[in-house]
N, C-alpha and C. Protein backbone atom coordinates (compact mmCIF):
# COMPACT_ATOMS: atom_id res chain seq x y z
N MET A 1 -2.96 5.27 -7.54
CA MET A 1 -3.48 4.17 -6.76
C MET A 1 -4.75 3.68 -7.45
N LEU A 2 -4.91 2.37 -7.42
CA LEU A 2 -6.15 1.76 -7.90
C LEU A 2 -6.42 0.50 -7.09
N ILE A 3 -7.59 -0.08 -7.29
CA ILE A 3 -7.98 -1.30 -6.59
C ILE A 3 -7.74 -2.47 -7.55
N ALA A 4 -7.03 -3.50 -7.06
CA ALA A 4 -6.69 -4.61 -7.95
C ALA A 4 -6.43 -5.88 -7.16
N GLY A 5 -6.30 -6.96 -7.90
CA GLY A 5 -5.94 -8.25 -7.31
C GLY A 5 -7.13 -8.98 -6.72
N PRO A 6 -6.92 -10.23 -6.33
CA PRO A 6 -8.01 -11.05 -5.81
C PRO A 6 -8.59 -10.56 -4.49
N TRP A 7 -7.85 -9.72 -3.76
CA TRP A 7 -8.32 -9.24 -2.44
C TRP A 7 -8.88 -7.82 -2.52
N PHE A 8 -9.02 -7.27 -3.73
CA PHE A 8 -9.51 -5.90 -3.91
C PHE A 8 -8.65 -4.92 -3.11
N ALA A 9 -7.35 -5.07 -3.21
CA ALA A 9 -6.41 -4.27 -2.42
C ALA A 9 -6.06 -2.96 -3.13
N PRO A 10 -5.81 -1.91 -2.34
CA PRO A 10 -5.29 -0.69 -2.95
C PRO A 10 -3.84 -0.92 -3.36
N MET A 11 -3.49 -0.51 -4.56
CA MET A 11 -2.12 -0.69 -5.06
C MET A 11 -1.62 0.61 -5.66
N MET A 12 -0.39 0.96 -5.31
CA MET A 12 0.29 2.09 -5.94
C MET A 12 1.48 1.54 -6.71
N PHE A 13 1.85 2.25 -7.77
CA PHE A 13 2.93 1.82 -8.65
C PHE A 13 4.02 2.88 -8.69
N ASN A 14 5.23 2.47 -9.02
CA ASN A 14 6.34 3.40 -9.14
C ASN A 14 6.30 4.05 -10.52
N GLU A 15 5.28 4.88 -10.72
CA GLU A 15 5.03 5.56 -11.99
C GLU A 15 4.75 7.04 -11.72
N PRO A 16 5.77 7.81 -11.34
CA PRO A 16 5.55 9.23 -11.04
C PRO A 16 4.85 9.96 -12.18
N GLY A 17 3.85 10.77 -11.83
CA GLY A 17 3.13 11.55 -12.83
C GLY A 17 1.94 10.83 -13.44
N VAL A 18 1.74 9.56 -13.12
CA VAL A 18 0.61 8.80 -13.64
C VAL A 18 -0.45 8.70 -12.55
N GLY A 19 -1.70 8.96 -12.89
CA GLY A 19 -2.77 8.89 -11.90
C GLY A 19 -2.88 10.20 -11.13
N TYR A 20 -3.32 10.10 -9.87
CA TYR A 20 -3.55 11.27 -9.02
C TYR A 20 -2.58 11.28 -7.85
N ARG A 21 -2.45 12.44 -7.21
CA ARG A 21 -1.78 12.49 -5.91
C ARG A 21 -2.70 11.79 -4.93
N VAL A 22 -2.13 10.91 -4.14
CA VAL A 22 -2.92 10.11 -3.20
C VAL A 22 -3.00 10.82 -1.85
N ILE A 23 -4.18 10.86 -1.28
CA ILE A 23 -4.38 11.41 0.06
C ILE A 23 -4.36 10.25 1.03
N GLY A 24 -3.55 10.37 2.09
CA GLY A 24 -3.44 9.28 3.05
C GLY A 24 -3.03 9.77 4.41
N GLU A 25 -2.58 8.86 5.23
CA GLU A 25 -2.16 9.14 6.60
C GLU A 25 -0.69 8.81 6.75
N LEU A 26 -0.03 9.51 7.65
CA LEU A 26 1.39 9.31 7.90
C LEU A 26 1.57 8.85 9.34
N TYR A 27 2.30 7.76 9.54
CA TYR A 27 2.55 7.21 10.87
C TYR A 27 4.04 7.08 11.10
N GLU A 28 4.44 7.15 12.36
CA GLU A 28 5.82 6.88 12.73
C GLU A 28 5.90 5.43 13.17
N ALA A 29 6.92 4.71 12.71
CA ALA A 29 7.07 3.29 13.04
C ALA A 29 8.53 2.98 13.33
N ASP A 30 8.75 2.09 14.30
CA ASP A 30 10.12 1.67 14.61
C ASP A 30 10.55 0.58 13.63
N GLU A 31 11.82 0.20 13.70
CA GLU A 31 12.37 -0.78 12.75
C GLU A 31 11.67 -2.13 12.82
N ASP A 32 11.29 -2.58 14.03
CA ASP A 32 10.59 -3.86 14.16
C ASP A 32 9.24 -3.82 13.46
N THR A 33 8.51 -2.72 13.62
CA THR A 33 7.21 -2.59 12.97
C THR A 33 7.37 -2.51 11.46
N ILE A 34 8.37 -1.79 10.99
CA ILE A 34 8.62 -1.72 9.55
C ILE A 34 8.94 -3.11 9.00
N ALA A 35 9.69 -3.91 9.74
CA ALA A 35 10.00 -5.28 9.29
C ALA A 35 8.72 -6.11 9.19
N LYS A 36 7.80 -5.94 10.14
CA LYS A 36 6.52 -6.67 10.08
C LYS A 36 5.68 -6.19 8.91
N LEU A 37 5.66 -4.88 8.69
CA LEU A 37 4.93 -4.36 7.54
C LEU A 37 5.53 -4.85 6.23
N ASP A 38 6.86 -4.94 6.17
CA ASP A 38 7.52 -5.49 4.98
C ASP A 38 7.03 -6.91 4.70
N ARG A 39 6.91 -7.73 5.74
CA ARG A 39 6.41 -9.10 5.54
C ARG A 39 4.95 -9.08 5.08
N LEU A 40 4.14 -8.23 5.69
CA LEU A 40 2.74 -8.11 5.30
C LEU A 40 2.61 -7.69 3.84
N GLU A 41 3.47 -6.79 3.40
CA GLU A 41 3.43 -6.27 2.04
C GLU A 41 4.27 -7.09 1.06
N SER A 42 4.84 -8.20 1.52
CA SER A 42 5.62 -9.13 0.68
C SER A 42 6.87 -8.50 0.08
N VAL A 43 7.47 -7.54 0.77
CA VAL A 43 8.71 -6.92 0.30
C VAL A 43 9.79 -8.00 0.19
N GLY A 44 10.51 -7.99 -0.91
CA GLY A 44 11.52 -9.01 -1.17
C GLY A 44 11.05 -10.02 -2.19
N LYS A 45 9.74 -10.16 -2.35
CA LYS A 45 9.19 -11.02 -3.39
C LYS A 45 9.06 -10.19 -4.66
N PRO A 46 9.15 -10.83 -5.83
CA PRO A 46 9.07 -10.07 -7.08
C PRO A 46 7.83 -9.17 -7.15
N GLY A 47 8.06 -7.92 -7.54
CA GLY A 47 6.95 -7.00 -7.73
C GLY A 47 6.47 -6.26 -6.51
N ASN A 48 7.14 -6.42 -5.37
CA ASN A 48 6.74 -5.78 -4.11
C ASN A 48 7.89 -4.93 -3.59
N LEU A 49 7.67 -3.63 -3.47
CA LEU A 49 8.74 -2.71 -3.11
C LEU A 49 8.35 -1.81 -1.94
N ARG A 50 9.36 -1.38 -1.18
CA ARG A 50 9.21 -0.29 -0.21
C ARG A 50 10.18 0.78 -0.64
N VAL A 51 9.69 2.01 -0.85
CA VAL A 51 10.56 3.10 -1.27
C VAL A 51 10.27 4.35 -0.43
N ALA A 52 11.25 5.23 -0.35
CA ALA A 52 11.09 6.50 0.33
C ALA A 52 10.65 7.56 -0.68
N ILE A 53 9.65 8.34 -0.30
CA ILE A 53 9.16 9.44 -1.13
C ILE A 53 8.99 10.69 -0.26
N GLU A 54 8.83 11.82 -0.89
CA GLU A 54 8.49 13.05 -0.19
C GLU A 54 6.98 13.23 -0.27
N VAL A 55 6.35 13.52 0.87
CA VAL A 55 4.90 13.75 0.90
C VAL A 55 4.65 15.17 1.41
N GLU A 56 3.56 15.75 0.93
CA GLU A 56 3.21 17.12 1.31
C GLU A 56 1.90 17.10 2.09
N PRO A 57 1.83 17.85 3.19
CA PRO A 57 0.57 17.94 3.93
C PRO A 57 -0.52 18.57 3.06
N VAL A 58 -1.75 18.09 3.20
CA VAL A 58 -2.88 18.63 2.44
C VAL A 58 -3.09 20.10 2.78
N VAL A 59 -2.87 20.47 4.05
CA VAL A 59 -3.13 21.84 4.51
C VAL A 59 -1.92 22.75 4.37
N GLY A 60 -0.88 22.30 3.71
CA GLY A 60 0.33 23.09 3.55
C GLY A 60 1.35 22.79 4.63
N GLY A 61 2.52 23.31 4.46
CA GLY A 61 3.60 23.06 5.41
C GLY A 61 4.73 22.32 4.73
N PRO A 62 5.78 22.03 5.51
CA PRO A 62 6.95 21.37 4.92
C PRO A 62 6.66 19.92 4.52
N ALA A 63 7.38 19.46 3.51
CA ALA A 63 7.26 18.06 3.07
C ALA A 63 7.92 17.14 4.09
N TRP A 64 7.48 15.90 4.10
CA TRP A 64 8.03 14.86 4.97
C TRP A 64 8.55 13.72 4.11
N SER A 65 9.56 13.04 4.60
CA SER A 65 10.01 11.81 3.96
C SER A 65 9.17 10.67 4.52
N ALA A 66 8.68 9.81 3.65
CA ALA A 66 7.82 8.71 4.08
C ALA A 66 8.17 7.45 3.29
N LEU A 67 7.94 6.31 3.91
CA LEU A 67 8.08 5.03 3.23
C LEU A 67 6.72 4.63 2.69
N VAL A 68 6.69 4.17 1.45
CA VAL A 68 5.46 3.68 0.84
C VAL A 68 5.71 2.31 0.24
N TYR A 69 4.65 1.55 0.14
CA TYR A 69 4.71 0.22 -0.46
C TYR A 69 4.11 0.29 -1.85
N LEU A 70 4.87 -0.21 -2.82
CA LEU A 70 4.47 -0.18 -4.22
C LEU A 70 4.43 -1.60 -4.78
N LYS A 71 3.61 -1.78 -5.78
CA LYS A 71 3.50 -3.07 -6.47
C LYS A 71 3.87 -2.88 -7.94
N SER A 72 4.24 -3.96 -8.59
CA SER A 72 4.45 -3.91 -10.03
C SER A 72 3.09 -4.07 -10.71
N ARG A 73 2.99 -3.58 -11.90
CA ARG A 73 1.73 -3.69 -12.65
C ARG A 73 1.33 -5.15 -12.87
N GLN A 74 2.30 -6.05 -12.94
CA GLN A 74 1.99 -7.46 -13.17
C GLN A 74 1.15 -8.05 -12.03
N LEU A 75 1.24 -7.48 -10.83
CA LEU A 75 0.45 -7.97 -9.70
C LEU A 75 -0.96 -7.38 -9.67
N ALA A 76 -1.22 -6.39 -10.49
CA ALA A 76 -2.52 -5.71 -10.51
C ALA A 76 -3.48 -6.43 -11.44
N ASP A 77 -3.82 -7.65 -11.09
CA ASP A 77 -4.68 -8.46 -11.94
C ASP A 77 -5.67 -9.24 -11.09
N PRO A 78 -6.94 -9.05 -11.30
CA PRO A 78 -7.57 -8.10 -12.20
C PRO A 78 -7.62 -6.70 -11.59
N ILE A 79 -7.81 -5.70 -12.43
CA ILE A 79 -7.98 -4.32 -11.97
C ILE A 79 -9.47 -4.08 -11.76
N HIS A 80 -9.82 -3.51 -10.60
CA HIS A 80 -11.22 -3.31 -10.23
C HIS A 80 -11.66 -1.85 -10.22
N SER A 81 -10.76 -0.90 -10.51
CA SER A 81 -11.13 0.52 -10.46
C SER A 81 -10.24 1.31 -11.41
N GLY A 82 -10.60 2.56 -11.60
CA GLY A 82 -9.71 3.51 -12.24
C GLY A 82 -8.78 4.08 -11.17
N TYR A 83 -8.01 5.11 -11.55
CA TYR A 83 -7.13 5.74 -10.57
C TYR A 83 -7.95 6.44 -9.49
N LEU A 84 -7.44 6.41 -8.27
CA LEU A 84 -8.12 6.99 -7.11
C LEU A 84 -7.22 7.98 -6.39
N ARG A 85 -7.83 8.99 -5.76
CA ARG A 85 -7.10 9.93 -4.90
C ARG A 85 -7.09 9.44 -3.46
N ILE A 86 -8.16 8.77 -3.07
CA ILE A 86 -8.32 8.33 -1.69
C ILE A 86 -8.91 6.92 -1.70
N TYR A 87 -8.49 6.12 -0.73
CA TYR A 87 -8.97 4.74 -0.66
C TYR A 87 -10.22 4.68 0.22
N GLU A 88 -11.36 4.42 -0.41
CA GLU A 88 -12.62 4.29 0.32
C GLU A 88 -13.39 3.04 -0.10
N ASP A 89 -12.77 2.17 -0.84
CA ASP A 89 -13.42 0.97 -1.34
C ASP A 89 -13.72 0.02 -0.19
N ARG A 90 -14.87 -0.59 -0.20
CA ARG A 90 -15.28 -1.49 0.90
C ARG A 90 -15.17 -2.97 0.53
N ARG A 91 -14.63 -3.28 -0.64
CA ARG A 91 -14.56 -4.68 -1.07
C ARG A 91 -13.31 -5.40 -0.61
N PHE A 92 -12.36 -4.71 0.00
CA PHE A 92 -11.10 -5.32 0.44
C PHE A 92 -11.36 -6.54 1.32
N ILE A 93 -10.63 -7.63 1.06
CA ILE A 93 -10.73 -8.84 1.87
C ILE A 93 -9.56 -8.83 2.85
N PRO A 94 -9.85 -8.64 4.15
CA PRO A 94 -8.77 -8.54 5.16
C PRO A 94 -7.91 -9.79 5.23
N PHE A 95 -6.69 -9.58 5.68
CA PHE A 95 -5.69 -10.63 5.79
C PHE A 95 -6.22 -11.86 6.53
N ASP A 96 -6.94 -11.64 7.63
CA ASP A 96 -7.41 -12.75 8.46
C ASP A 96 -8.58 -13.51 7.84
N ARG A 97 -9.13 -13.05 6.73
CA ARG A 97 -10.23 -13.74 6.06
C ARG A 97 -9.80 -14.48 4.80
N ARG A 98 -8.50 -14.49 4.55
CA ARG A 98 -7.97 -15.18 3.38
C ARG A 98 -7.56 -16.58 3.79
N ASP A 99 -7.95 -17.56 3.00
CA ASP A 99 -7.71 -18.96 3.35
C ASP A 99 -6.25 -19.30 3.59
N GLU A 100 -5.32 -18.76 2.77
CA GLU A 100 -3.93 -19.16 2.93
C GLU A 100 -3.23 -18.46 4.08
N HIS A 101 -3.87 -17.47 4.70
CA HIS A 101 -3.28 -16.76 5.83
C HIS A 101 -4.25 -16.82 7.00
N ARG A 102 -3.77 -17.17 8.14
CA ARG A 102 -4.62 -17.18 9.33
C ARG A 102 -3.93 -16.43 10.45
N CYS A 103 -3.98 -15.12 10.37
CA CYS A 103 -3.50 -14.29 11.47
C CYS A 103 -4.45 -13.11 11.58
N ASN A 104 -4.46 -12.46 12.71
CA ASN A 104 -5.42 -11.40 12.97
C ASN A 104 -4.85 -10.00 12.88
N SER A 105 -3.53 -9.87 12.87
CA SER A 105 -2.94 -8.54 12.82
C SER A 105 -1.48 -8.62 12.39
N VAL A 106 -0.90 -7.45 12.17
CA VAL A 106 0.51 -7.37 11.80
C VAL A 106 1.38 -7.98 12.88
N SER A 107 0.99 -7.86 14.14
CA SER A 107 1.81 -8.40 15.23
C SER A 107 1.90 -9.92 15.19
N ASP A 108 0.98 -10.59 14.48
CA ASP A 108 1.02 -12.05 14.36
C ASP A 108 2.02 -12.52 13.30
N LEU A 109 2.56 -11.60 12.52
CA LEU A 109 3.48 -12.00 11.44
C LEU A 109 4.81 -12.43 11.98
């Protein structure tokens, strides 16, 4: 994962073994919510993917299957960071503050 693009967004790539293992949170979502997240993440447009991966708890225990959103390297322009383990960057420009989008949450999609 690294920070890239005009919105200083966290981006992960389908490049197993490159970078670090990412620490994050796991949520349960129904099909309607996943469809909204797909729209938010531009799934279906070139360079935007949703894939299933196996994730391991930081404290140990069985692995879980999880959906993650990945970008192509071509969308990572400009790159604002090196590889990261955890997303703590404060420069991200939220969806509702971008001129071409005027919504306040995923539910508005």
